[in-house]
Amino acid sequence: MPAPRSAGGVPPSPGVRAALAPLLSHPESTAILTDFDGTLSPIVKNPYEARPLDGAAEVMASLARRFAEVAVISGRSVAYLEEHLVPAEPSDRGHRVRLVGLYGLEQSWGDGRITVEPGAEAWHRVIDAAVVALQEGAPEGVLVEPKGLAVTVHWRRAPEAEGWVTEAVAAEVERAGLRAHPGRMSVELRPPLDVDKGSVVRALAGSCSAACYFGDDLGDLPAYAELAAMRDRGVVTVSVAVLDDESDPRVAAAADVTMSGQRAALGALAWLAQAAAAEPGDRPNGSPRP
């Protein structure tokens, strides 16, 4: 089956289609999970300017109509994800995409009702104090991004300030007991809870017969590791790395499939949605539903 030419996406190669095809055997018990920044949205210098590719919200809603669990798992806040990924068309709202923010600390179904990980709320004041301390000392070009239950320090616009960021974050870790998580020319401070993309994948896809995860950064490695553990238990899994010139080589090394750029990722997700909508005998692997 050829790939659809959805807005913003490019058709997947035959090799990528073959790697993803096992996810189509039983869509009703399969999880389609993806990151946001660097996967559905291009990396930009100012994180506040990040936007999903054209058509991304519609592709995710289309997947939600056909697969058991569809979720965006991001370091963004749920409020940010809701603003940019909830489809405008009412017809798409009946099949909601689960939105998971702050690496699992927040969740919603895109309806404005946000649930927070137990134990996280107690860290609001600590995070707020860290935001103030980091903002007061930040060199020019360093962006301190408050996220409510987390704070990210970006040095993309000031590469020479990486040393300051490293020292300042280490000081907050020592002072406040927060945990530091490295990212793309950034580092994030979060409460010391055992919550990450791996624990989210386990919770969302643990009872599924198949699952995939699209990611691009070091924060996605726990998701890949959880999929590998699920595979050892007999679950069909596919880890997808969305790469560009600044990708850490550990991301590609941990993945089953690699592709170049966000438009390729969106095209692959659109193909999954279209292929799952086909009659069982017409699907790429020819596998009927039970």
Protein backbone atom coordinates (compact mmCIF):
# COMPACT_ATOMS: atom_id res chain seq x y z
CA MET A 1 0.00 0.00 0.00
CA PRO A 2 1.49 3.37 -0.95
CA ALA A 3 1.93 6.02 1.69
CA PRO A 4 -0.51 8.95 1.81
CA ARG A 5 0.84 12.38 1.02
CA SER A 6 -0.52 14.07 4.11
CA ALA A 7 0.15 17.75 4.73
CA GLY A 8 3.61 18.19 6.20
CA GLY A 9 4.64 14.54 5.82
CA VAL A 10 6.58 12.48 3.28
CA PRO A 11 5.80 8.86 2.37
CA PRO A 12 7.82 6.23 4.24
CA SER A 13 10.31 4.07 2.36
CA PRO A 14 9.54 0.39 1.64
CA GLY A 15 11.96 -0.58 4.42
CA VAL A 16 10.19 1.60 6.98
CA ARG A 17 6.78 0.30 5.88
CA ALA A 18 8.00 -3.27 6.28
CA ALA A 19 9.32 -2.52 9.77
CA LEU A 20 6.04 -0.94 10.85
CA ALA A 21 3.73 -3.45 9.16
CA PRO A 22 3.59 -5.87 12.17
CA LEU A 23 1.78 -3.11 14.09
CA LEU A 24 -1.17 -3.57 11.72
CA SER A 25 -1.98 -7.17 12.62
CA HIS A 26 -4.22 -6.22 15.54
CA PRO A 27 -4.81 -2.45 15.65
CA GLU A 28 -7.46 -2.89 18.34
CA SER A 29 -4.75 -4.02 20.79
CA THR A 30 -1.84 -1.88 19.54
CA ALA A 31 -0.38 1.33 21.01
CA ILE A 32 1.01 4.11 18.81
CA LEU A 33 3.11 6.44 20.97
CA THR A 34 5.24 9.41 19.96
CA ASP A 35 7.28 12.31 21.25
CA PHE A 36 6.50 15.92 20.26
CA ASP A 37 9.60 18.13 19.89
CA GLY A 38 11.92 16.80 17.21
CA THR A 39 9.32 14.25 16.14
CA LEU A 40 6.01 15.96 15.39
CA SER A 41 7.52 19.44 15.65
CA PRO A 42 10.83 20.77 14.26
CA ILE A 43 13.49 21.85 16.74
CA VAL A 44 13.61 25.66 16.98
CA LYS A 45 15.88 28.11 18.79
CA ASN A 46 13.05 29.49 20.92
CA PRO A 47 11.04 26.61 22.48
CA TYR A 48 8.00 28.87 22.83
CA GLU A 49 7.84 29.06 19.02
CA ALA A 50 7.66 25.29 18.46
CA ARG A 51 4.64 24.19 16.45
CA PRO A 52 3.62 20.78 15.09
CA LEU A 53 3.89 20.14 11.38
CA ASP A 54 0.82 20.91 9.32
CA GLY A 55 -1.55 17.98 9.57
CA ALA A 56 -0.01 16.46 12.71
CA ALA A 57 -3.11 16.91 14.87
CA GLU A 58 -5.29 15.36 12.19
CA VAL A 59 -2.94 12.40 11.69
CA MET A 60 -2.90 11.69 15.44
CA ALA A 61 -6.70 11.88 15.58
CA SER A 62 -6.91 9.50 12.63
CA LEU A 63 -4.65 7.03 14.45
CA ALA A 64 -6.86 7.31 17.54
CA ARG A 65 -9.86 6.15 15.50
CA ARG A 66 -8.07 2.94 14.57
CA PHE A 67 -5.65 1.89 17.33
CA ALA A 68 -6.22 0.91 20.96
CA GLU A 69 -3.97 3.56 22.50
CA VAL A 70 -2.58 6.67 20.82
CA ALA A 71 -0.56 9.14 22.85
CA VAL A 72 1.88 12.01 22.61
CA ILE A 73 4.45 11.73 25.42
CA SER A 74 6.38 14.96 25.79
CA GLY A 75 8.47 17.14 28.02
CA ARG A 76 5.99 19.91 27.21
CA SER A 77 3.19 20.76 29.59
CA VAL A 78 -0.18 19.21 28.82
CA ALA A 79 -1.63 22.71 28.39
CA TYR A 80 0.86 23.37 25.60
CA LEU A 81 0.06 20.06 23.90
CA GLU A 82 -3.67 20.74 24.14
CA GLU A 83 -3.22 24.13 22.53
CA HIS A 84 -1.40 22.74 19.52
CA LEU A 85 -2.59 19.15 19.06
CA VAL A 86 -6.33 19.10 19.71
CA PRO A 87 -8.01 19.06 16.25
CA ALA A 88 -10.28 21.95 15.37
CA GLU A 89 -12.83 19.73 13.66
CA PRO A 90 -15.52 18.47 16.10
CA SER A 91 -15.69 15.15 14.20
CA ASP A 92 -12.16 14.37 15.36
CA ARG A 93 -12.88 15.03 19.02
CA GLY A 94 -14.74 11.77 19.56
CA HIS A 95 -11.49 9.82 19.20
CA ARG A 96 -9.12 11.49 21.57
CA VAL A 97 -5.36 11.28 21.68
CA ARG A 98 -3.95 10.91 25.15
CA LEU A 99 -1.61 13.81 25.96
CA VAL A 100 1.16 13.10 28.46
CA GLY A 101 3.20 16.09 29.59
CA LEU A 102 6.34 16.67 31.64
CA TYR A 103 7.60 13.15 30.97
CA GLY A 104 4.59 11.63 32.68
CA LEU A 105 3.86 14.08 35.49
CA GLU A 106 0.69 15.32 33.72
CA GLN A 107 -1.96 13.66 31.54
CA SER A 108 -5.17 14.60 29.77
CA TRP A 109 -7.44 13.52 26.93
CA GLY A 110 -7.28 16.94 25.34
CA ASP A 111 -10.41 18.12 27.10
CA GLY A 112 -8.78 20.53 29.56
CA ARG A 113 -9.01 18.16 32.52
CA ILE A 114 -5.46 17.46 33.66
CA THR A 115 -4.43 14.77 36.13
CA VAL A 116 -1.13 15.07 37.98
CA GLU A 117 1.16 12.27 39.16
CA PRO A 118 0.67 11.67 42.91
CA GLY A 119 3.46 13.26 44.88
CA ALA A 120 4.35 15.80 42.21
CA GLU A 121 2.19 18.68 43.46
CA ALA A 122 4.28 18.97 46.63
CA TRP A 123 7.23 20.09 44.48
CA HIS A 124 5.62 23.21 43.01
CA ARG A 125 7.30 25.62 45.44
CA VAL A 126 10.67 23.95 45.04
CA ILE A 127 10.46 24.26 41.26
CA ASP A 128 9.33 27.89 41.53
CA ALA A 129 12.35 28.70 43.71
CA ALA A 130 14.67 27.00 41.22
CA VAL A 131 13.17 29.06 38.40
CA VAL A 132 13.87 32.30 40.27
CA ALA A 133 17.45 31.31 41.10
CA LEU A 134 18.23 30.25 37.55
CA GLN A 135 16.64 33.31 35.96
CA GLU A 136 18.54 35.69 38.23
CA GLY A 137 21.93 34.35 37.17
CA ALA A 138 21.30 33.31 33.57
CA PRO A 139 23.74 34.78 31.02
CA GLU A 140 22.39 36.53 27.95
CA GLY A 141 20.94 34.05 25.48
CA VAL A 142 20.15 31.38 28.07
CA LEU A 143 16.44 30.72 28.35
CA VAL A 144 14.94 29.47 31.60
CA GLU A 145 11.59 27.87 30.74
CA PRO A 146 9.18 27.35 33.67
CA LYS A 147 6.78 24.44 33.17
CA GLY A 148 4.95 24.33 36.49
CA LEU A 149 6.27 21.02 37.80
CA ALA A 150 9.57 21.27 35.90
CA VAL A 151 11.99 23.86 34.59
CA THR A 152 14.19 23.58 31.51
CA VAL A 153 17.33 25.61 30.89
CA HIS A 154 18.18 26.08 27.20
CA TRP A 155 21.52 27.24 25.83
CA ARG A 156 20.83 26.78 22.10
CA ARG A 157 21.04 30.54 21.54
CA ALA A 158 24.20 30.81 23.67
CA PRO A 159 26.37 27.70 23.16
CA GLU A 160 29.21 29.29 25.08
CA ALA A 161 27.05 29.26 28.23
CA GLU A 162 26.84 25.47 28.50
CA GLY A 163 29.35 25.47 31.34
CA TRP A 164 27.31 27.96 33.34
CA VAL A 165 24.16 25.92 32.80
CA THR A 166 25.88 22.74 33.96
CA GLU A 167 27.13 24.38 37.17
CA ALA A 168 23.89 26.22 37.91
CA VAL A 169 21.77 23.11 37.44
CA ALA A 170 24.13 21.06 39.60
CA ALA A 171 23.76 23.66 42.34
CA GLU A 172 19.95 23.38 42.21
CA VAL A 173 20.18 19.60 42.30
CA GLU A 174 22.31 19.84 45.45
CA ARG A 175 20.20 22.55 47.07
CA ALA A 176 16.70 21.36 46.27
CA GLY A 177 16.99 17.64 45.66
CA LEU A 178 15.68 17.86 42.10
CA ARG A 179 16.82 15.53 39.32
CA ALA A 180 18.57 16.79 36.17
CA HIS A 181 17.69 15.32 32.79
CA PRO A 182 19.79 16.27 29.73
CA GLY A 183 18.20 17.11 26.40
CA ARG A 184 19.02 18.82 23.13
CA MET A 185 21.23 21.76 24.17
CA SER A 186 19.17 21.89 27.34
CA VAL A 187 18.79 20.33 30.75
CA GLU A 188 15.59 19.92 32.73
CA LEU A 189 15.03 19.83 36.47
CA ARG A 190 12.15 17.67 37.69
CA PRO A 191 10.97 16.26 41.03
CA PRO A 192 12.85 13.13 42.15
CA LEU A 193 10.03 10.77 41.22
CA ASP A 194 10.44 7.51 39.34
CA VAL A 195 8.48 8.78 36.35
CA ASP A 196 9.86 8.97 32.82
CA LYS A 197 8.87 8.01 29.30
CA GLY A 198 9.66 4.39 30.07
CA SER A 199 7.20 4.26 32.96
CA VAL A 200 4.61 5.97 30.76
CA VAL A 201 5.07 3.42 27.96
CA ARG A 202 4.73 0.62 30.53
CA ALA A 203 1.48 2.07 31.86
CA LEU A 204 -0.09 2.80 28.47
CA ALA A 205 1.06 -0.21 26.44
CA GLY A 206 1.71 -2.87 29.07
CA SER A 207 -1.43 -4.82 28.20
CA CYS A 208 -1.18 -4.36 24.43
CA SER A 209 -0.18 -6.99 21.89
CA ALA A 210 1.98 -4.50 19.99
CA ALA A 211 3.42 -1.01 20.49
CA CYS A 212 5.71 1.52 18.87
CA TYR A 213 7.36 4.72 20.00
CA PHE A 214 8.72 7.57 17.85
CA GLY A 215 11.42 9.68 19.54
CA ASP A 216 14.51 11.75 18.85
CA ASP A 217 16.41 12.56 22.05
CA LEU A 218 18.07 11.14 25.14
CA GLY A 219 14.85 11.56 27.11
CA ASP A 220 13.30 8.96 24.79
CA LEU A 221 15.80 6.22 25.66
CA PRO A 222 13.73 4.94 28.63
CA ALA A 223 10.79 4.47 26.22
CA TYR A 224 12.97 2.40 23.89
CA ALA A 225 14.25 0.37 26.84
CA GLU A 226 10.72 -0.39 28.00
CA LEU A 227 9.74 -1.53 24.50
CA ALA A 228 12.76 -3.84 24.48
CA ALA A 229 11.63 -5.33 27.81
CA MET A 230 8.11 -5.78 26.43
CA ARG A 231 9.52 -7.57 23.39
CA ASP A 232 11.24 -10.03 25.70
CA ARG A 233 7.76 -10.83 27.05
CA GLY A 234 6.41 -11.58 23.57
CA VAL A 235 4.95 -8.17 22.65
CA VAL A 236 5.54 -6.91 19.10
CA THR A 237 7.43 -3.60 19.44
CA VAL A 238 9.07 -1.07 17.13
CA SER A 239 11.35 1.72 18.39
CA VAL A 240 11.69 4.56 15.87
CA ALA A 241 14.43 7.22 15.99
CA VAL A 242 13.79 10.49 14.16
CA LEU A 243 17.24 11.86 13.39
CA ASP A 244 18.90 15.07 12.24
CA ASP A 245 22.41 16.56 12.18
CA GLU A 246 22.61 17.08 15.95
CA SER A 247 21.12 13.74 17.06
CA ASP A 248 22.98 11.91 19.80
CA PRO A 249 24.27 8.60 18.36
CA ARG A 250 22.86 6.75 21.35
CA VAL A 251 19.35 7.45 20.09
CA ALA A 252 19.90 5.70 16.75
CA ALA A 253 21.76 2.87 18.46
CA ALA A 254 18.79 2.13 20.72
CA ALA A 255 16.17 2.15 17.94
CA ASP A 256 14.94 -0.54 15.56
CA VAL A 257 14.19 1.93 12.76
CA THR A 258 15.70 5.31 11.88
CA MET A 259 14.37 8.05 9.65
CA SER A 260 15.50 11.52 8.73
CA GLY A 261 13.49 14.42 10.08
CA GLN A 262 10.02 15.22 11.33
CA ARG A 263 8.31 15.13 7.95
CA ALA A 264 9.39 11.51 7.56
CA ALA A 265 7.99 10.71 11.01
CA LEU A 266 4.64 12.33 10.22
CA GLY A 267 4.49 10.50 6.90
CA ALA A 268 5.09 7.17 8.63
CA LEU A 269 2.36 7.85 11.19
CA ALA A 270 -0.03 8.90 8.43
CA TRP A 271 0.73 5.66 6.57
CA LEU A 272 -0.07 3.63 9.70
CA ALA A 273 -3.42 5.40 10.01
CA GLN A 274 -4.30 4.80 6.37
CA ALA A 275 -3.09 1.20 6.36
CA ALA A 276 -5.06 0.38 9.52
CA ALA A 277 -8.20 1.74 7.86
CA ALA A 278 -7.87 -0.74 4.98
CA GLU A 279 -9.69 -4.05 4.88
CA PRO A 280 -7.67 -6.79 6.66
CA GLY A 281 -6.81 -8.60 3.43
CA ASP A 282 -5.51 -5.39 1.90
CA ARG A 283 -3.13 -4.50 4.71
CA PRO A 284 0.62 -4.71 4.01
CA ASN A 285 1.09 -7.89 6.05
CA GLY A 286 -2.28 -9.35 5.08
CA SER A 287 -3.12 -10.12 8.68
CA PRO A 288 -6.84 -10.20 9.49
CA ARG A 289 -8.23 -9.00 12.78
CA PRO A 290 -9.30 -11.80 15.13
